[in-house]
N, C-alpha and C. Protein backbone atom coordinates (compact mmCIF):
# COMPACT_ATOMS: atom_id res chain seq x y z
N MET A 1 9.33 6.80 16.44
CA MET A 1 9.98 7.29 15.26
C MET A 1 8.94 7.90 14.30
N ASN A 2 7.71 7.43 14.36
CA ASN A 2 6.67 7.97 13.50
C ASN A 2 6.43 9.46 13.84
N ASP A 3 6.47 9.79 15.11
CA ASP A 3 6.29 11.22 15.48
C ASP A 3 7.42 12.05 14.93
N GLN A 4 8.64 11.53 14.95
CA GLN A 4 9.77 12.26 14.39
C GLN A 4 9.60 12.40 12.89
N LEU A 5 9.12 11.35 12.24
CA LEU A 5 8.88 11.41 10.81
C LEU A 5 7.84 12.47 10.49
N ASN A 6 6.79 12.57 11.27
CA ASN A 6 5.77 13.58 11.02
C ASN A 6 6.30 15.01 11.06
N LYS A 7 7.34 15.23 11.83
CA LYS A 7 7.92 16.57 11.93
C LYS A 7 8.66 16.99 10.68
N THR A 8 8.86 16.04 9.75
CA THR A 8 9.56 16.37 8.52
C THR A 8 8.60 16.79 7.38
N TYR A 9 7.31 16.67 7.63
CA TYR A 9 6.32 17.06 6.63
C TYR A 9 6.05 18.56 6.74
N ILE A 10 5.97 19.21 5.60
CA ILE A 10 5.72 20.66 5.55
C ILE A 10 4.49 20.88 4.75
N GLY A 11 3.38 21.14 5.44
CA GLY A 11 2.12 21.39 4.77
C GLY A 11 2.18 22.74 4.05
N TYR A 12 1.71 22.75 2.79
CA TYR A 12 1.66 24.00 2.00
C TYR A 12 0.32 24.16 1.36
N GLY A 13 0.05 25.38 0.87
CA GLY A 13 -1.19 25.65 0.20
C GLY A 13 -2.37 25.72 1.16
N SER A 14 -3.53 25.86 0.59
CA SER A 14 -4.74 26.08 1.40
C SER A 14 -5.09 24.89 2.27
N ALA A 15 -4.78 23.68 1.83
CA ALA A 15 -5.17 22.49 2.60
C ALA A 15 -3.97 21.78 3.28
N GLY A 16 -2.80 22.32 3.14
CA GLY A 16 -1.58 21.64 3.64
C GLY A 16 -1.63 21.29 5.12
N GLU A 17 -1.94 22.28 5.97
CA GLU A 17 -1.95 22.00 7.40
C GLU A 17 -3.07 21.04 7.79
N GLU A 18 -4.20 21.16 7.09
CA GLU A 18 -5.34 20.26 7.37
C GLU A 18 -4.94 18.82 7.03
N LYS A 19 -4.31 18.63 5.92
CA LYS A 19 -3.92 17.25 5.52
C LYS A 19 -2.81 16.70 6.41
N LYS A 20 -1.92 17.58 6.83
CA LYS A 20 -0.88 17.14 7.77
C LYS A 20 -1.52 16.69 9.08
N GLU A 21 -2.51 17.46 9.54
CA GLU A 21 -3.24 17.11 10.75
C GLU A 21 -4.00 15.80 10.58
N ARG A 22 -4.58 15.62 9.40
CA ARG A 22 -5.32 14.40 9.10
C ARG A 22 -4.40 13.18 9.15
N GLN A 23 -3.18 13.34 8.67
CA GLN A 23 -2.19 12.27 8.69
C GLN A 23 -1.92 11.86 10.15
N MET A 24 -1.75 12.87 11.02
CA MET A 24 -1.46 12.58 12.40
C MET A 24 -2.67 11.92 13.08
N ILE A 25 -3.87 12.29 12.71
CA ILE A 25 -5.06 11.69 13.26
C ILE A 25 -5.11 10.21 12.86
N GLN A 26 -4.80 9.91 11.59
CA GLN A 26 -4.78 8.52 11.12
C GLN A 26 -3.70 7.72 11.86
N ASP A 27 -2.60 8.37 12.14
CA ASP A 27 -1.54 7.68 12.95
C ASP A 27 -2.09 7.34 14.32
N SER A 28 -2.82 8.28 14.92
CA SER A 28 -3.37 8.06 16.23
C SER A 28 -4.43 6.99 16.19
N ASN A 29 -5.26 6.96 15.16
CA ASN A 29 -6.25 5.91 14.98
C ASN A 29 -5.59 4.56 14.90
N ALA A 30 -4.50 4.46 14.12
CA ALA A 30 -3.79 3.22 13.97
C ALA A 30 -3.25 2.75 15.32
N GLY A 31 -2.71 3.70 16.09
CA GLY A 31 -2.17 3.38 17.39
C GLY A 31 -3.21 2.92 18.38
N SER A 32 -4.44 3.44 18.22
CA SER A 32 -5.49 3.08 19.16
C SER A 32 -6.03 1.66 18.88
N MET A 33 -5.83 1.16 17.67
CA MET A 33 -6.26 -0.22 17.34
C MET A 33 -5.37 -1.22 18.06
N ASN A 34 -4.09 -1.21 17.74
CA ASN A 34 -3.09 -2.00 18.43
C ASN A 34 -1.74 -1.61 17.92
N LYS A 35 -0.70 -2.01 18.63
CA LYS A 35 0.66 -1.60 18.26
C LYS A 35 1.07 -2.12 16.89
N GLY A 36 0.60 -3.30 16.53
CA GLY A 36 0.96 -3.87 15.25
C GLY A 36 0.48 -3.00 14.09
N VAL A 37 -0.71 -2.44 14.21
CA VAL A 37 -1.24 -1.57 13.15
C VAL A 37 -0.42 -0.30 13.08
N ALA A 38 -0.10 0.25 14.22
CA ALA A 38 0.70 1.47 14.26
C ALA A 38 2.10 1.23 13.65
N VAL A 39 2.69 0.12 13.96
CA VAL A 39 4.00 -0.23 13.45
C VAL A 39 3.88 -0.41 11.91
N SER A 40 2.88 -1.09 11.46
CA SER A 40 2.71 -1.27 10.01
C SER A 40 2.55 0.07 9.30
N ARG A 41 1.80 0.98 9.93
CA ARG A 41 1.61 2.32 9.31
C ARG A 41 2.94 3.05 9.22
N SER A 42 3.77 2.98 10.25
CA SER A 42 5.05 3.67 10.20
C SER A 42 5.97 3.03 9.14
N PHE A 43 5.87 1.71 8.96
CA PHE A 43 6.64 1.03 7.91
C PHE A 43 6.21 1.56 6.54
N THR A 44 4.88 1.69 6.39
CA THR A 44 4.37 2.17 5.09
C THR A 44 4.86 3.59 4.85
N LYS A 45 4.79 4.43 5.86
CA LYS A 45 5.21 5.81 5.70
C LYS A 45 6.68 5.96 5.46
N SER A 46 7.49 4.94 5.75
CA SER A 46 8.92 5.00 5.52
C SER A 46 9.30 4.48 4.14
N SER A 47 8.32 3.99 3.39
CA SER A 47 8.62 3.42 2.09
C SER A 47 8.75 4.53 1.03
N ALA A 48 9.42 4.21 -0.04
CA ALA A 48 9.62 5.18 -1.11
C ALA A 48 8.33 5.50 -1.84
N LYS A 49 7.34 4.65 -1.74
CA LYS A 49 6.09 4.86 -2.41
C LYS A 49 5.12 5.79 -1.69
N TYR A 50 5.40 6.11 -0.43
CA TYR A 50 4.54 6.97 0.34
C TYR A 50 4.88 8.42 0.04
N LYS A 51 4.08 9.04 -0.80
CA LYS A 51 4.34 10.41 -1.23
C LYS A 51 3.10 11.29 -1.02
N ASN A 52 3.32 12.53 -0.68
CA ASN A 52 2.23 13.43 -0.42
C ASN A 52 2.48 14.78 -1.07
N SER A 53 2.82 14.74 -2.34
CA SER A 53 3.20 15.98 -3.03
C SER A 53 2.05 16.97 -3.18
N SER A 54 0.82 16.53 -2.96
CA SER A 54 -0.33 17.48 -3.06
C SER A 54 -0.41 18.41 -1.83
N TRP A 55 0.27 18.05 -0.72
CA TRP A 55 0.22 18.90 0.43
C TRP A 55 1.55 19.06 1.19
N ASP A 56 2.51 18.17 0.90
CA ASP A 56 3.81 18.22 1.56
C ASP A 56 4.84 18.85 0.64
N LEU A 57 5.46 19.93 1.09
CA LEU A 57 6.41 20.67 0.29
C LEU A 57 7.67 19.89 0.01
N VAL A 58 8.08 19.05 0.91
CA VAL A 58 9.28 18.24 0.65
C VAL A 58 9.07 17.32 -0.55
N ASP A 59 7.96 16.61 -0.55
CA ASP A 59 7.66 15.72 -1.67
C ASP A 59 7.38 16.52 -2.95
N ALA A 60 6.66 17.63 -2.83
CA ALA A 60 6.31 18.45 -3.99
C ALA A 60 7.55 19.00 -4.69
N VAL A 61 8.49 19.50 -3.91
CA VAL A 61 9.71 20.03 -4.52
C VAL A 61 10.55 18.89 -5.13
N GLU A 62 10.62 17.77 -4.42
CA GLU A 62 11.38 16.63 -4.93
C GLU A 62 10.82 16.13 -6.23
N GLU A 63 9.49 16.09 -6.33
CA GLU A 63 8.84 15.59 -7.55
C GLU A 63 8.61 16.67 -8.58
N SER A 64 9.04 17.87 -8.29
CA SER A 64 8.89 19.01 -9.18
C SER A 64 7.42 19.35 -9.53
N THR A 65 6.55 19.12 -8.58
CA THR A 65 5.12 19.45 -8.83
C THR A 65 4.90 20.94 -8.45
N VAL A 66 5.81 21.53 -7.71
CA VAL A 66 5.77 22.97 -7.44
C VAL A 66 7.16 23.53 -7.62
N LYS A 67 7.20 24.77 -7.92
CA LYS A 67 8.50 25.49 -8.00
C LYS A 67 8.53 26.44 -6.82
N LEU A 68 9.41 26.13 -5.92
CA LEU A 68 9.52 26.89 -4.69
C LEU A 68 9.69 28.40 -4.92
N GLU A 69 10.53 28.73 -5.90
CA GLU A 69 10.79 30.17 -6.16
C GLU A 69 9.58 30.91 -6.74
N GLU A 70 8.58 30.16 -7.24
CA GLU A 70 7.37 30.78 -7.79
C GLU A 70 6.22 30.85 -6.77
N MET A 71 6.42 30.24 -5.62
CA MET A 71 5.30 30.18 -4.64
C MET A 71 5.13 31.52 -3.93
N GLU A 72 3.89 31.88 -3.72
CA GLU A 72 3.56 33.07 -2.94
C GLU A 72 3.74 32.75 -1.48
N SER A 73 4.06 33.79 -0.70
CA SER A 73 4.30 33.51 0.76
C SER A 73 3.06 33.03 1.47
N ASN A 74 1.85 33.41 0.96
CA ASN A 74 0.62 32.92 1.64
C ASN A 74 0.39 31.43 1.42
N GLU A 75 1.11 30.83 0.45
CA GLU A 75 1.01 29.39 0.21
C GLU A 75 1.95 28.61 1.12
N LEU A 76 2.89 29.31 1.74
CA LEU A 76 3.88 28.66 2.59
C LEU A 76 3.43 28.53 4.02
N PRO A 77 3.93 27.58 4.74
CA PRO A 77 3.61 27.48 6.16
C PRO A 77 4.27 28.63 6.93
N ASP A 78 3.76 28.93 8.10
CA ASP A 78 4.23 30.07 8.87
C ASP A 78 5.73 30.03 9.11
N GLU A 79 6.29 28.85 9.37
CA GLU A 79 7.72 28.75 9.70
C GLU A 79 8.62 29.10 8.50
N MET A 80 8.05 29.19 7.29
CA MET A 80 8.84 29.50 6.10
C MET A 80 8.57 30.89 5.53
N LYS A 81 7.53 31.53 5.97
CA LYS A 81 7.15 32.82 5.36
C LYS A 81 8.22 33.90 5.50
N LYS A 82 8.95 33.91 6.57
CA LYS A 82 9.94 34.94 6.81
C LYS A 82 11.33 34.59 6.26
N LEU A 83 11.45 33.40 5.72
CA LEU A 83 12.73 32.97 5.18
C LEU A 83 12.97 33.55 3.77
N LYS A 84 14.24 33.78 3.50
CA LYS A 84 14.64 34.24 2.16
C LYS A 84 14.61 33.01 1.25
N PRO A 85 14.53 33.24 -0.11
CA PRO A 85 14.43 32.10 -1.02
C PRO A 85 15.50 31.04 -0.82
N GLU A 86 16.73 31.42 -0.60
CA GLU A 86 17.79 30.41 -0.41
C GLU A 86 17.61 29.70 0.93
N GLU A 87 17.13 30.38 1.94
CA GLU A 87 16.87 29.75 3.23
C GLU A 87 15.74 28.74 3.13
N ARG A 88 14.76 29.08 2.26
CA ARG A 88 13.63 28.16 2.06
C ARG A 88 14.13 26.84 1.46
N LYS A 89 14.98 26.93 0.47
CA LYS A 89 15.53 25.74 -0.16
C LYS A 89 16.31 24.91 0.87
N LYS A 90 17.09 25.60 1.64
CA LYS A 90 17.89 24.91 2.66
C LYS A 90 17.00 24.24 3.72
N TYR A 91 15.93 24.94 4.10
CA TYR A 91 14.99 24.41 5.08
C TYR A 91 14.38 23.10 4.56
N ILE A 92 13.94 23.11 3.31
CA ILE A 92 13.34 21.91 2.71
C ILE A 92 14.36 20.81 2.60
N GLU A 93 15.58 21.13 2.19
CA GLU A 93 16.61 20.13 2.08
C GLU A 93 16.93 19.50 3.43
N THR A 94 16.93 20.32 4.47
CA THR A 94 17.15 19.80 5.81
C THR A 94 16.07 18.81 6.22
N LYS A 95 14.82 19.16 5.96
CA LYS A 95 13.68 18.29 6.28
C LYS A 95 13.77 17.00 5.45
N LYS A 96 14.14 17.12 4.21
CA LYS A 96 14.27 15.96 3.33
C LYS A 96 15.34 15.02 3.87
N ASN A 97 16.47 15.55 4.30
CA ASN A 97 17.55 14.74 4.84
C ASN A 97 17.14 14.09 6.17
N GLU A 98 16.46 14.85 7.01
CA GLU A 98 15.96 14.28 8.30
C GLU A 98 15.01 13.12 8.01
N ARG A 99 14.11 13.32 7.03
CA ARG A 99 13.14 12.31 6.69
C ARG A 99 13.87 11.01 6.20
N ALA A 100 14.85 11.20 5.31
CA ALA A 100 15.59 10.05 4.79
C ALA A 100 16.28 9.29 5.90
N LYS A 101 16.84 10.01 6.85
CA LYS A 101 17.54 9.36 7.98
C LYS A 101 16.56 8.56 8.83
N ILE A 102 15.43 9.16 9.15
CA ILE A 102 14.41 8.51 9.98
C ILE A 102 13.85 7.30 9.24
N GLN A 103 13.57 7.48 7.95
CA GLN A 103 13.03 6.36 7.18
C GLN A 103 14.03 5.21 7.14
N GLY A 104 15.28 5.52 7.03
CA GLY A 104 16.35 4.48 7.05
C GLY A 104 16.35 3.72 8.38
N GLU A 105 16.20 4.49 9.49
CA GLU A 105 16.16 3.86 10.79
C GLU A 105 14.95 2.98 10.97
N ILE A 106 13.81 3.46 10.47
CA ILE A 106 12.59 2.66 10.54
C ILE A 106 12.77 1.38 9.70
N LYS A 107 13.36 1.48 8.51
CA LYS A 107 13.56 0.29 7.68
C LYS A 107 14.49 -0.70 8.38
N GLU A 108 15.52 -0.21 9.04
CA GLU A 108 16.43 -1.06 9.81
C GLU A 108 15.64 -1.80 10.90
N MET A 109 14.81 -1.05 11.61
CA MET A 109 13.99 -1.67 12.66
C MET A 109 13.06 -2.70 12.08
N GLN A 110 12.50 -2.40 10.92
CA GLN A 110 11.55 -3.32 10.28
C GLN A 110 12.27 -4.65 9.93
N GLU A 111 13.49 -4.54 9.42
CA GLU A 111 14.26 -5.72 9.07
C GLU A 111 14.53 -6.55 10.31
N LYS A 112 14.91 -5.89 11.43
CA LYS A 112 15.18 -6.59 12.65
C LYS A 112 13.89 -7.26 13.18
N ARG A 113 12.80 -6.58 13.08
CA ARG A 113 11.50 -7.10 13.56
C ARG A 113 11.11 -8.30 12.70
N ASP A 114 11.25 -8.18 11.37
CA ASP A 114 10.89 -9.27 10.47
C ASP A 114 11.74 -10.53 10.79
N LYS A 115 13.03 -10.33 11.05
CA LYS A 115 13.90 -11.45 11.40
C LYS A 115 13.48 -12.07 12.73
N PHE A 116 13.20 -11.23 13.72
CA PHE A 116 12.75 -11.70 15.01
C PHE A 116 11.47 -12.56 14.88
N VAL A 117 10.51 -12.07 14.14
CA VAL A 117 9.25 -12.76 13.95
C VAL A 117 9.46 -14.07 13.23
N ALA A 118 10.30 -14.03 12.20
CA ALA A 118 10.57 -15.29 11.43
C ALA A 118 11.26 -16.32 12.35
N ASP A 119 12.21 -15.87 13.16
CA ASP A 119 12.89 -16.77 14.07
C ASP A 119 11.90 -17.39 15.07
N LYS A 120 11.02 -16.57 15.61
CA LYS A 120 10.02 -17.08 16.57
C LYS A 120 9.05 -18.03 15.91
N LYS A 121 8.68 -17.77 14.67
CA LYS A 121 7.77 -18.68 13.96
C LYS A 121 8.47 -20.03 13.74
N ARG A 122 9.74 -19.97 13.37
CA ARG A 122 10.50 -21.18 13.11
C ARG A 122 10.62 -22.00 14.45
N GLU A 123 10.95 -21.30 15.50
CA GLU A 123 11.06 -21.97 16.83
C GLU A 123 9.71 -22.62 17.21
N SER A 124 8.65 -21.86 16.99
CA SER A 124 7.33 -22.35 17.36
C SER A 124 6.95 -23.52 16.47
N ALA A 125 7.32 -23.49 15.21
CA ALA A 125 7.00 -24.58 14.32
C ALA A 125 7.71 -25.83 14.74
N GLU A 126 8.97 -25.70 15.18
CA GLU A 126 9.73 -26.87 15.63
C GLU A 126 9.10 -27.44 16.89
N GLU A 127 8.57 -26.61 17.76
CA GLU A 127 7.97 -27.07 19.00
C GLU A 127 6.60 -27.65 18.75
N ASN A 128 5.92 -27.27 17.69
CA ASN A 128 4.57 -27.66 17.44
C ASN A 128 4.39 -28.60 16.27
N THR A 129 5.45 -29.33 15.94
CA THR A 129 5.26 -30.34 14.90
C THR A 129 4.44 -31.47 15.46
N LEU A 130 3.86 -32.26 14.58
CA LEU A 130 3.02 -33.38 15.08
C LEU A 130 3.82 -34.30 15.97
N ASP A 131 5.06 -34.62 15.54
CA ASP A 131 5.90 -35.47 16.37
C ASP A 131 6.13 -34.90 17.75
N ALA A 132 6.49 -33.63 17.79
CA ALA A 132 6.82 -33.00 19.09
C ALA A 132 5.58 -32.94 19.99
N VAL A 133 4.44 -32.64 19.42
CA VAL A 133 3.23 -32.54 20.19
C VAL A 133 2.80 -33.91 20.72
N MET A 134 2.91 -34.93 19.91
CA MET A 134 2.54 -36.29 20.32
C MET A 134 3.47 -36.80 21.40
N ILE A 135 4.77 -36.59 21.25
CA ILE A 135 5.74 -37.04 22.26
C ILE A 135 5.45 -36.33 23.60
N LYS A 136 5.16 -35.05 23.52
CA LYS A 136 4.89 -34.29 24.73
C LYS A 136 3.61 -34.83 25.38
N ALA A 137 2.59 -35.13 24.63
CA ALA A 137 1.34 -35.64 25.18
C ALA A 137 1.56 -37.02 25.87
N VAL A 138 2.32 -37.86 25.19
CA VAL A 138 2.62 -39.19 25.77
C VAL A 138 3.40 -39.05 27.05
N ARG A 139 4.38 -38.15 27.07
CA ARG A 139 5.18 -37.94 28.28
C ARG A 139 4.27 -37.42 29.44
N VAL A 140 3.40 -36.51 29.14
CA VAL A 140 2.53 -35.97 30.20
C VAL A 140 1.66 -37.08 30.76
N GLN A 141 1.09 -37.90 29.87
CA GLN A 141 0.22 -39.00 30.34
C GLN A 141 1.03 -40.03 31.15
N ALA A 142 2.22 -40.32 30.66
CA ALA A 142 3.06 -41.30 31.37
C ALA A 142 3.50 -40.75 32.75
N GLU A 143 3.87 -39.52 32.82
CA GLU A 143 4.28 -38.90 34.10
C GLU A 143 3.08 -38.89 35.07
N ASN A 144 1.88 -38.70 34.56
CA ASN A 144 0.71 -38.77 35.41
C ASN A 144 0.51 -40.13 36.04
N LYS A 145 1.04 -41.17 35.37
CA LYS A 145 0.96 -42.55 35.89
C LYS A 145 2.26 -42.95 36.57
N GLN A 146 3.05 -41.96 36.93
CA GLN A 146 4.26 -42.15 37.71
C GLN A 146 5.46 -42.73 36.93
N TYR A 147 5.38 -42.72 35.64
CA TYR A 147 6.56 -43.16 34.86
C TYR A 147 7.56 -42.01 34.89
N GLN A 148 8.85 -42.35 34.81
CA GLN A 148 9.90 -41.34 34.82
C GLN A 148 10.75 -41.55 33.59
N PHE A 149 11.21 -40.44 33.06
CA PHE A 149 12.07 -40.49 31.85
C PHE A 149 13.44 -39.89 32.17
N LYS A 150 14.46 -40.47 31.56
CA LYS A 150 15.82 -39.88 31.71
C LYS A 150 15.84 -38.63 30.86
N LYS A 151 16.50 -37.63 31.37
CA LYS A 151 16.56 -36.36 30.64
C LYS A 151 17.88 -36.12 30.02
């Protein structure tokens, strides 16, 4: 889903494409560490606080840090240069909606993951209480001496 999310970013200005590429490199770095780090990064990127208005046109338009109608075509990414002003607005709106949908799906997955982890921790805690561990140790020692327990 992180790759799909990345497709919703629109680099603009002189450094837009470079920063978009840098974001993907950081995603790759996170993935090379372990899956947990990559998952955490995608959760972060799906949050409302993750904004890139300095290089992403979707965030910049949403936060009103740029005025799309005042931008020169050389500041726009190649896929937008040939578009008419109304088509540009629609293109950004489409990417914004795609991003919101993907972020929602990632948040849903995060909630499911958090619940799964909490359930497993609770199960593990029940199995690893002092009582449970001691009873298990006594049973193992008794069974080694040929004692049998009713189940």
